[in-house]
Amino acid sequence: MRPPDRAAAEAECEALFLAHKDGLLAAAMVVDPHLAWDGVQQAFEEALKRMLTPHAEPVRNWWSWLRRVTVRHVVARRQEVAAHASAEGLDGMDPAPLTEDLVVIKEKFEGTLRQIAALPWRQRHAVGLRFLGGFSYPEIARIMAVEEVTVRNLISQARRALRADQGRLR
């Protein structure tokens, strides 16, 4: 097996960064706004290492993989900081996010809600049940009285529409 091309891996990592950094930062800020950017950077460092590992299992969904790595890193760092602070007799970092960070998160959230509200009824219903209600695909199919493949198609169509709207808003 040929070793991975570093330049190609770096280009792919850069494209992933441009596509997902804002969402990853928002997810990490929920855990700890002070460590969020550190978590995002760590996730992309690990992604590049993964791309350059010849026998690594391919990642099928980079968004999920990056989000998981980002949040886990922030949680681990938060625990380290808390342990260090308690050993030093300090209170640790202020858990309150900065006001400007909260404003950015709120604006993005409201924009996403407006985009979801503009979806056709069946797509909006499927997305709401899945991502706001936490229902599985089979449960959504029973609730909507459709086949599971229909639910998957509706959610896929909604995701494409939301990605297209996101591109127009930038």
N, C-alpha and C. Protein backbone atom coordinates (compact mmCIF):
# COMPACT_ATOMS: atom_id res chain seq x y z
N MET A 1 0.84 -1.18 0.00
CA MET A 1 0.00 0.00 0.00
C MET A 1 0.89 1.25 0.00
N ARG A 2 0.53 2.18 -0.82
CA ARG A 2 1.27 3.44 -0.97
C ARG A 2 0.97 4.37 0.21
N PRO A 3 1.99 5.03 0.76
CA PRO A 3 1.71 5.96 1.87
C PRO A 3 0.83 7.12 1.39
N PRO A 4 0.02 7.66 2.29
CA PRO A 4 -0.87 8.77 1.91
C PRO A 4 -0.07 10.00 1.48
N ASP A 5 -0.64 10.75 0.56
CA ASP A 5 -0.04 11.98 0.06
C ASP A 5 -0.32 13.10 1.07
N ARG A 6 0.73 13.64 1.66
CA ARG A 6 0.57 14.66 2.71
C ARG A 6 -0.13 15.91 2.18
N ALA A 7 0.24 16.36 1.01
CA ALA A 7 -0.37 17.57 0.44
C ALA A 7 -1.87 17.37 0.22
N ALA A 8 -2.25 16.20 -0.28
CA ALA A 8 -3.67 15.92 -0.50
C ALA A 8 -4.42 15.84 0.82
N ALA A 9 -3.80 15.21 1.83
CA ALA A 9 -4.43 15.11 3.14
C ALA A 9 -4.60 16.50 3.76
N GLU A 10 -3.59 17.35 3.63
CA GLU A 10 -3.69 18.71 4.17
C GLU A 10 -4.78 19.51 3.46
N ALA A 11 -4.90 19.33 2.15
CA ALA A 11 -5.95 20.03 1.39
C ALA A 11 -7.33 19.55 1.83
N GLU A 12 -7.47 18.24 2.02
CA GLU A 12 -8.76 17.70 2.46
C GLU A 12 -9.08 18.20 3.87
N CYS A 13 -8.09 18.25 4.73
CA CYS A 13 -8.28 18.73 6.10
C CYS A 13 -8.68 20.22 6.09
N GLU A 14 -8.06 21.00 5.24
CA GLU A 14 -8.40 22.41 5.11
C GLU A 14 -9.85 22.60 4.65
N ALA A 15 -10.27 21.78 3.69
CA ALA A 15 -11.65 21.85 3.21
C ALA A 15 -12.63 21.48 4.33
N LEU A 16 -12.29 20.46 5.10
CA LEU A 16 -13.14 20.09 6.24
C LEU A 16 -13.20 21.22 7.26
N PHE A 17 -12.05 21.85 7.50
CA PHE A 17 -12.00 22.95 8.45
C PHE A 17 -12.93 24.09 8.02
N LEU A 18 -12.85 24.47 6.77
CA LEU A 18 -13.70 25.56 6.27
C LEU A 18 -15.18 25.20 6.36
N ALA A 19 -15.49 23.94 6.11
CA ALA A 19 -16.89 23.50 6.12
C ALA A 19 -17.47 23.35 7.52
N HIS A 20 -16.65 22.96 8.50
CA HIS A 20 -17.20 22.54 9.80
C HIS A 20 -16.74 23.34 11.01
N LYS A 21 -15.81 24.26 10.86
CA LYS A 21 -15.24 24.93 12.05
C LYS A 21 -16.30 25.67 12.87
N ASP A 22 -17.23 26.35 12.24
CA ASP A 22 -18.23 27.12 12.98
C ASP A 22 -19.14 26.21 13.80
N GLY A 23 -19.60 25.13 13.19
CA GLY A 23 -20.47 24.20 13.91
C GLY A 23 -19.75 23.50 15.04
N LEU A 24 -18.49 23.14 14.81
CA LEU A 24 -17.70 22.50 15.86
C LEU A 24 -17.45 23.46 17.02
N LEU A 25 -17.16 24.70 16.68
CA LEU A 25 -16.92 25.70 17.72
C LEU A 25 -18.19 25.92 18.55
N ALA A 26 -19.33 25.97 17.90
CA ALA A 26 -20.60 26.14 18.63
C ALA A 26 -20.85 24.95 19.55
N ALA A 27 -20.60 23.74 19.07
CA ALA A 27 -20.80 22.54 19.90
C ALA A 27 -19.85 22.55 21.09
N ALA A 28 -18.60 22.93 20.87
CA ALA A 28 -17.61 22.94 21.95
C ALA A 28 -17.91 24.04 22.96
N MET A 29 -18.46 25.16 22.52
CA MET A 29 -18.76 26.27 23.43
C MET A 29 -19.84 25.90 24.43
N VAL A 30 -20.70 24.98 24.05
CA VAL A 30 -21.73 24.52 24.98
C VAL A 30 -21.06 23.85 26.18
N VAL A 31 -19.99 23.12 25.93
CA VAL A 31 -19.27 22.43 27.00
C VAL A 31 -18.42 23.40 27.81
N ASP A 32 -17.61 24.21 27.11
CA ASP A 32 -16.76 25.19 27.80
C ASP A 32 -16.27 26.22 26.80
N PRO A 33 -16.76 27.44 26.88
CA PRO A 33 -16.39 28.45 25.89
C PRO A 33 -14.90 28.82 25.92
N HIS A 34 -14.26 28.63 27.07
CA HIS A 34 -12.85 28.99 27.18
C HIS A 34 -11.94 27.97 26.50
N LEU A 35 -12.40 26.75 26.37
CA LEU A 35 -11.58 25.67 25.80
C LEU A 35 -12.06 25.26 24.41
N ALA A 36 -13.09 25.91 23.90
CA ALA A 36 -13.73 25.49 22.65
C ALA A 36 -12.76 25.50 21.47
N TRP A 37 -12.05 26.60 21.29
CA TRP A 37 -11.16 26.70 20.13
C TRP A 37 -10.04 25.67 20.21
N ASP A 38 -9.54 25.41 21.41
CA ASP A 38 -8.52 24.40 21.62
C ASP A 38 -9.04 23.02 21.16
N GLY A 39 -10.29 22.74 21.49
CA GLY A 39 -10.89 21.47 21.09
C GLY A 39 -11.02 21.34 19.58
N VAL A 40 -11.40 22.41 18.91
CA VAL A 40 -11.52 22.40 17.46
C VAL A 40 -10.16 22.16 16.81
N GLN A 41 -9.15 22.87 17.29
CA GLN A 41 -7.80 22.70 16.74
C GLN A 41 -7.31 21.27 16.94
N GLN A 42 -7.54 20.72 18.12
CA GLN A 42 -7.11 19.35 18.41
C GLN A 42 -7.80 18.36 17.48
N ALA A 43 -9.08 18.58 17.21
CA ALA A 43 -9.82 17.67 16.33
C ALA A 43 -9.22 17.64 14.93
N PHE A 44 -8.83 18.80 14.42
CA PHE A 44 -8.26 18.84 13.07
C PHE A 44 -6.83 18.29 13.04
N GLU A 45 -6.10 18.44 14.13
CA GLU A 45 -4.79 17.80 14.20
C GLU A 45 -4.94 16.28 14.16
N GLU A 46 -5.91 15.76 14.90
CA GLU A 46 -6.15 14.32 14.90
C GLU A 46 -6.69 13.85 13.55
N ALA A 47 -7.49 14.68 12.90
CA ALA A 47 -8.02 14.31 11.58
C ALA A 47 -6.88 14.16 10.58
N LEU A 48 -5.93 15.09 10.60
CA LEU A 48 -4.79 15.01 9.69
C LEU A 48 -3.97 13.76 9.97
N LYS A 49 -3.71 13.48 11.25
CA LYS A 49 -2.99 12.25 11.60
C LYS A 49 -3.72 11.02 11.07
N ARG A 50 -5.03 11.02 11.22
CA ARG A 50 -5.86 9.89 10.75
C ARG A 50 -5.74 9.72 9.24
N MET A 51 -5.77 10.84 8.52
CA MET A 51 -5.67 10.80 7.05
C MET A 51 -4.31 10.29 6.60
N LEU A 52 -3.28 10.56 7.39
CA LEU A 52 -1.92 10.17 7.02
C LEU A 52 -1.54 8.78 7.51
N THR A 53 -2.43 8.13 8.25
CA THR A 53 -2.17 6.77 8.72
C THR A 53 -2.61 5.79 7.64
N PRO A 54 -1.66 5.03 7.06
CA PRO A 54 -1.98 4.20 5.90
C PRO A 54 -3.06 3.13 6.14
N HIS A 55 -3.09 2.55 7.32
CA HIS A 55 -4.01 1.43 7.55
C HIS A 55 -5.20 1.80 8.42
N ALA A 56 -5.42 3.08 8.64
CA ALA A 56 -6.56 3.51 9.45
C ALA A 56 -7.86 3.25 8.71
N GLU A 57 -8.86 2.87 9.48
CA GLU A 57 -10.19 2.67 8.89
C GLU A 57 -10.70 4.00 8.37
N PRO A 58 -11.27 4.04 7.17
CA PRO A 58 -11.75 5.32 6.63
C PRO A 58 -12.90 5.89 7.47
N VAL A 59 -12.95 7.20 7.55
CA VAL A 59 -14.01 7.88 8.28
C VAL A 59 -15.15 8.13 7.29
N ARG A 60 -16.33 7.62 7.61
CA ARG A 60 -17.46 7.77 6.70
C ARG A 60 -18.19 9.10 6.89
N ASN A 61 -18.16 9.63 8.10
CA ASN A 61 -18.87 10.88 8.38
C ASN A 61 -17.94 11.78 9.17
N TRP A 62 -17.22 12.66 8.47
CA TRP A 62 -16.24 13.51 9.12
C TRP A 62 -16.88 14.46 10.12
N TRP A 63 -18.07 14.97 9.82
CA TRP A 63 -18.72 15.90 10.75
C TRP A 63 -18.91 15.24 12.11
N SER A 64 -19.47 14.05 12.14
CA SER A 64 -19.70 13.36 13.42
C SER A 64 -18.38 13.05 14.11
N TRP A 65 -17.41 12.58 13.33
CA TRP A 65 -16.11 12.21 13.89
C TRP A 65 -15.44 13.44 14.51
N LEU A 66 -15.42 14.55 13.78
CA LEU A 66 -14.80 15.78 14.28
C LEU A 66 -15.53 16.32 15.50
N ARG A 67 -16.86 16.29 15.49
CA ARG A 67 -17.62 16.78 16.63
C ARG A 67 -17.33 15.95 17.87
N ARG A 68 -17.29 14.64 17.71
CA ARG A 68 -17.00 13.76 18.84
C ARG A 68 -15.60 14.04 19.41
N VAL A 69 -14.59 14.15 18.54
CA VAL A 69 -13.22 14.42 18.99
C VAL A 69 -13.14 15.78 19.67
N THR A 70 -13.78 16.78 19.09
CA THR A 70 -13.76 18.13 19.66
C THR A 70 -14.35 18.14 21.06
N VAL A 71 -15.54 17.62 21.19
CA VAL A 71 -16.24 17.66 22.48
C VAL A 71 -15.49 16.83 23.53
N ARG A 72 -15.00 15.66 23.14
CA ARG A 72 -14.26 14.83 24.09
C ARG A 72 -12.98 15.53 24.56
N HIS A 73 -12.32 16.22 23.64
CA HIS A 73 -11.11 16.94 24.04
C HIS A 73 -11.44 18.07 25.02
N VAL A 74 -12.50 18.80 24.75
CA VAL A 74 -12.89 19.90 25.63
C VAL A 74 -13.27 19.36 27.02
N VAL A 75 -14.01 18.26 27.04
CA VAL A 75 -14.39 17.66 28.33
C VAL A 75 -13.14 17.22 29.09
N ALA A 76 -12.20 16.55 28.41
CA ALA A 76 -10.98 16.08 29.07
C ALA A 76 -10.15 17.26 29.59
N ARG A 77 -10.01 18.30 28.78
CA ARG A 77 -9.25 19.49 29.21
C ARG A 77 -9.94 20.17 30.39
N ARG A 78 -11.25 20.23 30.34
CA ARG A 78 -12.02 20.85 31.44
C ARG A 78 -11.77 20.10 32.74
N GLN A 79 -11.73 18.77 32.67
CA GLN A 79 -11.47 17.96 33.86
C GLN A 79 -10.04 18.18 34.37
N GLU A 80 -9.09 18.29 33.43
CA GLU A 80 -7.70 18.56 33.83
C GLU A 80 -7.59 19.91 34.52
N VAL A 81 -8.22 20.91 33.95
CA VAL A 81 -8.17 22.26 34.53
C VAL A 81 -8.81 22.26 35.91
N ALA A 82 -9.94 21.58 36.05
CA ALA A 82 -10.63 21.53 37.35
C ALA A 82 -9.77 20.80 38.38
N ALA A 83 -9.15 19.70 37.98
CA ALA A 83 -8.30 18.94 38.91
C ALA A 83 -7.09 19.78 39.32
N HIS A 84 -6.49 20.45 38.37
CA HIS A 84 -5.32 21.28 38.66
C HIS A 84 -5.71 22.44 39.58
N ALA A 85 -6.84 23.06 39.29
CA ALA A 85 -7.28 24.20 40.09
C ALA A 85 -7.58 23.77 41.51
N SER A 86 -8.23 22.61 41.69
CA SER A 86 -8.56 22.18 43.05
C SER A 86 -7.30 21.79 43.80
N ALA A 87 -6.29 21.25 43.10
CA ALA A 87 -5.02 20.90 43.74
C ALA A 87 -4.28 22.16 44.18
N GLU A 88 -4.48 23.25 43.45
CA GLU A 88 -3.82 24.52 43.77
C GLU A 88 -4.66 25.36 44.74
N GLY A 89 -5.86 24.87 45.06
CA GLY A 89 -6.74 25.63 45.94
C GLY A 89 -7.44 26.78 45.25
N LEU A 90 -7.55 26.69 43.93
CA LEU A 90 -8.21 27.75 43.15
C LEU A 90 -9.61 27.29 42.76
N ASP A 91 -10.41 28.23 42.33
CA ASP A 91 -11.76 27.90 41.89
C ASP A 91 -11.82 27.41 40.46
N GLY A 92 -10.78 27.54 39.70
CA GLY A 92 -10.81 27.14 38.29
C GLY A 92 -11.27 28.27 37.41
N MET A 93 -11.59 27.93 36.17
CA MET A 93 -11.97 28.94 35.20
C MET A 93 -13.43 29.34 35.39
N ASP A 94 -13.72 30.55 35.04
CA ASP A 94 -15.09 31.04 35.10
C ASP A 94 -15.92 30.26 34.08
N PRO A 95 -16.96 29.54 34.52
CA PRO A 95 -17.74 28.73 33.59
C PRO A 95 -18.67 29.55 32.70
N ALA A 96 -18.86 30.82 33.01
CA ALA A 96 -19.79 31.63 32.22
C ALA A 96 -19.18 32.00 30.87
N PRO A 97 -19.93 31.74 29.78
CA PRO A 97 -19.42 32.14 28.46
C PRO A 97 -19.45 33.65 28.31
N LEU A 98 -18.63 34.12 27.40
CA LEU A 98 -18.60 35.55 27.11
C LEU A 98 -19.90 35.96 26.43
N THR A 99 -20.36 37.16 26.69
CA THR A 99 -21.62 37.64 26.12
C THR A 99 -21.60 37.61 24.60
N GLU A 100 -20.48 38.04 24.00
CA GLU A 100 -20.43 38.06 22.54
C GLU A 100 -20.50 36.65 21.95
N ASP A 101 -19.96 35.66 22.67
CA ASP A 101 -20.06 34.27 22.21
C ASP A 101 -21.51 33.79 22.25
N LEU A 102 -22.20 34.17 23.32
CA LEU A 102 -23.61 33.78 23.43
C LEU A 102 -24.45 34.42 22.33
N VAL A 103 -24.14 35.65 21.97
CA VAL A 103 -24.88 36.34 20.91
C VAL A 103 -24.68 35.61 19.58
N VAL A 104 -23.44 35.22 19.28
CA VAL A 104 -23.16 34.50 18.02
C VAL A 104 -23.90 33.17 18.00
N ILE A 105 -23.86 32.42 19.09
CA ILE A 105 -24.55 31.14 19.16
C ILE A 105 -26.05 31.34 18.97
N LYS A 106 -26.61 32.34 19.65
CA LYS A 106 -28.05 32.61 19.55
C LYS A 106 -28.45 32.97 18.12
N GLU A 107 -27.66 33.82 17.47
CA GLU A 107 -27.98 34.22 16.10
C GLU A 107 -27.93 33.02 15.15
N LYS A 108 -26.93 32.16 15.30
CA LYS A 108 -26.83 30.97 14.45
C LYS A 108 -27.99 30.03 14.71
N PHE A 109 -28.35 29.85 15.98
CA PHE A 109 -29.45 28.97 16.34
C PHE A 109 -30.76 29.49 15.75
N GLU A 110 -31.01 30.79 15.89
CA GLU A 110 -32.23 31.37 15.34
C GLU A 110 -32.27 31.25 13.82
N GLY A 111 -31.12 31.45 13.18
CA GLY A 111 -31.06 31.29 11.73
C GLY A 111 -31.36 29.87 11.30
N THR A 112 -30.83 28.91 12.05
CA THR A 112 -31.10 27.50 11.74
C THR A 112 -32.58 27.20 11.93
N LEU A 113 -33.18 27.71 12.99
CA LEU A 113 -34.61 27.49 13.21
C LEU A 113 -35.45 28.08 12.07
N ARG A 114 -35.07 29.27 11.59
CA ARG A 114 -35.79 29.87 10.45
C ARG A 114 -35.67 28.99 9.21
N GLN A 115 -34.46 28.45 8.98
CA GLN A 115 -34.26 27.57 7.83
C GLN A 115 -35.10 26.31 7.96
N ILE A 116 -35.15 25.73 9.15
CA ILE A 116 -35.96 24.53 9.36
C ILE A 116 -37.43 24.85 9.16
N ALA A 117 -37.88 26.00 9.64
CA ALA A 117 -39.28 26.39 9.49
C ALA A 117 -39.67 26.55 8.02
N ALA A 118 -38.70 26.88 7.17
CA ALA A 118 -38.98 27.07 5.74
C ALA A 118 -39.02 25.75 4.96
N LEU A 119 -38.64 24.64 5.60
CA LEU A 119 -38.67 23.34 4.91
C LEU A 119 -40.11 22.90 4.66
N PRO A 120 -40.33 22.05 3.67
CA PRO A 120 -41.66 21.47 3.49
C PRO A 120 -42.08 20.69 4.74
N TRP A 121 -43.38 20.59 4.96
CA TRP A 121 -43.93 20.01 6.19
C TRP A 121 -43.33 18.65 6.54
N ARG A 122 -43.30 17.71 5.62
CA ARG A 122 -42.83 16.35 5.94
C ARG A 122 -41.35 16.35 6.31
N GLN A 123 -40.54 17.14 5.62
CA GLN A 123 -39.12 17.23 5.97
C GLN A 123 -38.96 17.86 7.35
N ARG A 124 -39.70 18.93 7.60
CA ARG A 124 -39.62 19.62 8.88
C ARG A 124 -40.05 18.69 10.02
N HIS A 125 -41.09 17.92 9.79
CA HIS A 125 -41.60 16.98 10.79
C HIS A 125 -40.55 15.90 11.10
N ALA A 126 -39.96 15.32 10.06
CA ALA A 126 -38.95 14.28 10.23
C ALA A 126 -37.71 14.82 10.95
N VAL A 127 -37.26 16.00 10.55
CA VAL A 127 -36.08 16.62 11.17
C VAL A 127 -36.37 16.93 12.65
N GLY A 128 -37.53 17.47 12.93
CA GLY A 128 -37.89 17.79 14.31
C GLY A 128 -37.93 16.56 15.19
N LEU A 129 -38.55 15.50 14.68
CA LEU A 129 -38.62 14.26 15.47
C LEU A 129 -37.24 13.67 15.71
N ARG A 130 -36.39 13.73 14.68
CA ARG A 130 -35.06 13.11 14.79
C ARG A 130 -34.11 13.93 15.67
N PHE A 131 -33.97 15.21 15.38
CA PHE A 131 -32.92 16.00 16.02
C PHE A 131 -33.38 16.78 17.25
N LEU A 132 -34.65 17.10 17.32
CA LEU A 132 -35.14 17.78 18.51
C LEU A 132 -35.78 16.78 19.48
N GLY A 133 -36.47 15.78 18.92
CA GLY A 133 -37.12 14.77 19.75
C GLY A 133 -36.24 13.59 20.10
N GLY A 134 -35.18 13.38 19.30
CA GLY A 134 -34.26 12.27 19.58
C GLY A 134 -34.80 10.90 19.22
N PHE A 135 -35.83 10.85 18.36
CA PHE A 135 -36.40 9.57 17.96
C PHE A 135 -35.51 8.87 16.94
N SER A 136 -35.53 7.55 16.95
CA SER A 136 -34.78 6.75 15.98
C SER A 136 -35.56 6.74 14.66
N TYR A 137 -34.89 6.31 13.60
CA TYR A 137 -35.55 6.24 12.30
C TYR A 137 -36.78 5.32 12.32
N PRO A 138 -36.69 4.12 12.91
CA PRO A 138 -37.89 3.27 12.97
C PRO A 138 -39.04 3.92 13.76
N GLU A 139 -38.72 4.62 14.85
CA GLU A 139 -39.76 5.29 15.63
C GLU A 139 -40.42 6.40 14.81
N ILE A 140 -39.62 7.16 14.08
CA ILE A 140 -40.18 8.23 13.24
C ILE A 140 -41.07 7.64 12.16
N ALA A 141 -40.64 6.54 11.57
CA ALA A 141 -41.45 5.89 10.53
C ALA A 141 -42.81 5.49 11.09
N ARG A 142 -42.84 4.96 12.32
CA ARG A 142 -44.13 4.59 12.94
C ARG A 142 -44.97 5.83 13.20
N ILE A 143 -44.36 6.87 13.73
CA ILE A 143 -45.09 8.10 14.05
C ILE A 143 -45.68 8.73 12.79
N MET A 144 -44.88 8.76 11.72
CA MET A 144 -45.32 9.40 10.48
C MET A 144 -46.11 8.45 9.58
N ALA A 145 -46.18 7.18 9.95
CA ALA A 145 -46.88 6.15 9.17
C ALA A 145 -46.33 6.03 7.75
N VAL A 146 -44.98 5.97 7.68
CA VAL A 146 -44.29 5.79 6.40
C VAL A 146 -43.20 4.74 6.59
N GLU A 147 -42.57 4.35 5.49
CA GLU A 147 -41.45 3.41 5.56
C GLU A 147 -40.21 4.13 6.12
N GLU A 148 -39.31 3.35 6.72
CA GLU A 148 -38.09 3.92 7.27
C GLU A 148 -37.24 4.59 6.19
N VAL A 149 -37.22 4.00 5.00
CA VAL A 149 -36.44 4.59 3.90
C VAL A 149 -36.99 5.97 3.53
N THR A 150 -38.28 6.17 3.66
CA THR A 150 -38.89 7.47 3.39
C THR A 150 -38.39 8.50 4.40
N VAL A 151 -38.32 8.08 5.66
CA VAL A 151 -37.81 8.98 6.71
C VAL A 151 -36.37 9.38 6.39
N ARG A 152 -35.55 8.40 6.02
CA ARG A 152 -34.15 8.69 5.70
C ARG A 152 -34.06 9.65 4.51
N ASN A 153 -34.90 9.45 3.52
CA ASN A 153 -34.91 10.33 2.36
C ASN A 153 -35.34 11.75 2.73
N LEU A 154 -36.37 11.87 3.55
CA LEU A 154 -36.84 13.19 3.97
C LEU A 154 -35.75 13.94 4.73
N ILE A 155 -35.07 13.25 5.63
CA ILE A 155 -34.01 13.90 6.41
C ILE A 155 -32.83 14.26 5.51
N SER A 156 -32.51 13.39 4.58
CA SER A 156 -31.42 13.68 3.64
C SER A 156 -31.76 14.90 2.79
N GLN A 157 -32.99 14.98 2.30
CA GLN A 157 -33.41 16.14 1.51
C GLN A 157 -33.36 17.42 2.34
N ALA A 158 -33.78 17.32 3.59
CA ALA A 158 -33.75 18.49 4.47
C ALA A 158 -32.32 18.96 4.72
N ARG A 159 -31.43 18.01 4.94
CA ARG A 159 -30.02 18.37 5.16
C ARG A 159 -29.44 19.07 3.95
N ARG A 160 -29.73 18.55 2.75
CA ARG A 160 -29.24 19.19 1.53
C ARG A 160 -29.78 20.62 1.42
N ALA A 161 -31.06 20.78 1.70
CA ALA A 161 -31.67 22.11 1.63
C ALA A 161 -31.05 23.06 2.65
N LEU A 162 -30.79 22.57 3.86
CA LEU A 162 -30.20 23.41 4.90
C LEU A 162 -28.76 23.78 4.54
N ARG A 163 -28.01 22.85 3.98
CA ARG A 163 -26.63 23.15 3.55
C ARG A 163 -26.65 24.19 2.44
N ALA A 164 -27.59 24.07 1.51
CA ALA A 164 -27.68 25.04 0.42
C ALA A 164 -28.03 26.42 0.97
N ASP A 165 -28.96 26.49 1.94
CA ASP A 165 -29.32 27.77 2.55
C ASP A 165 -28.13 28.36 3.29
N GLN A 166 -27.36 27.51 3.96
CA GLN A 166 -26.19 27.98 4.72
C GLN A 166 -25.21 28.66 3.78
N GLY A 167 -25.00 28.06 2.61
CA GLY A 167 -24.07 28.64 1.64
C GLY A 167 -24.54 30.00 1.14
N ARG A 168 -25.86 30.19 0.99
CA ARG A 168 -26.39 31.47 0.53
C ARG A 168 -26.32 32.55 1.61
N LEU A 169 -26.34 32.14 2.87
CA LEU A 169 -26.33 33.12 3.97
C LEU A 169 -24.94 33.70 4.22
N ARG A 170 -23.89 33.02 3.80
CA ARG A 170 -22.53 33.48 4.09
C ARG A 170 -22.14 34.65 3.25
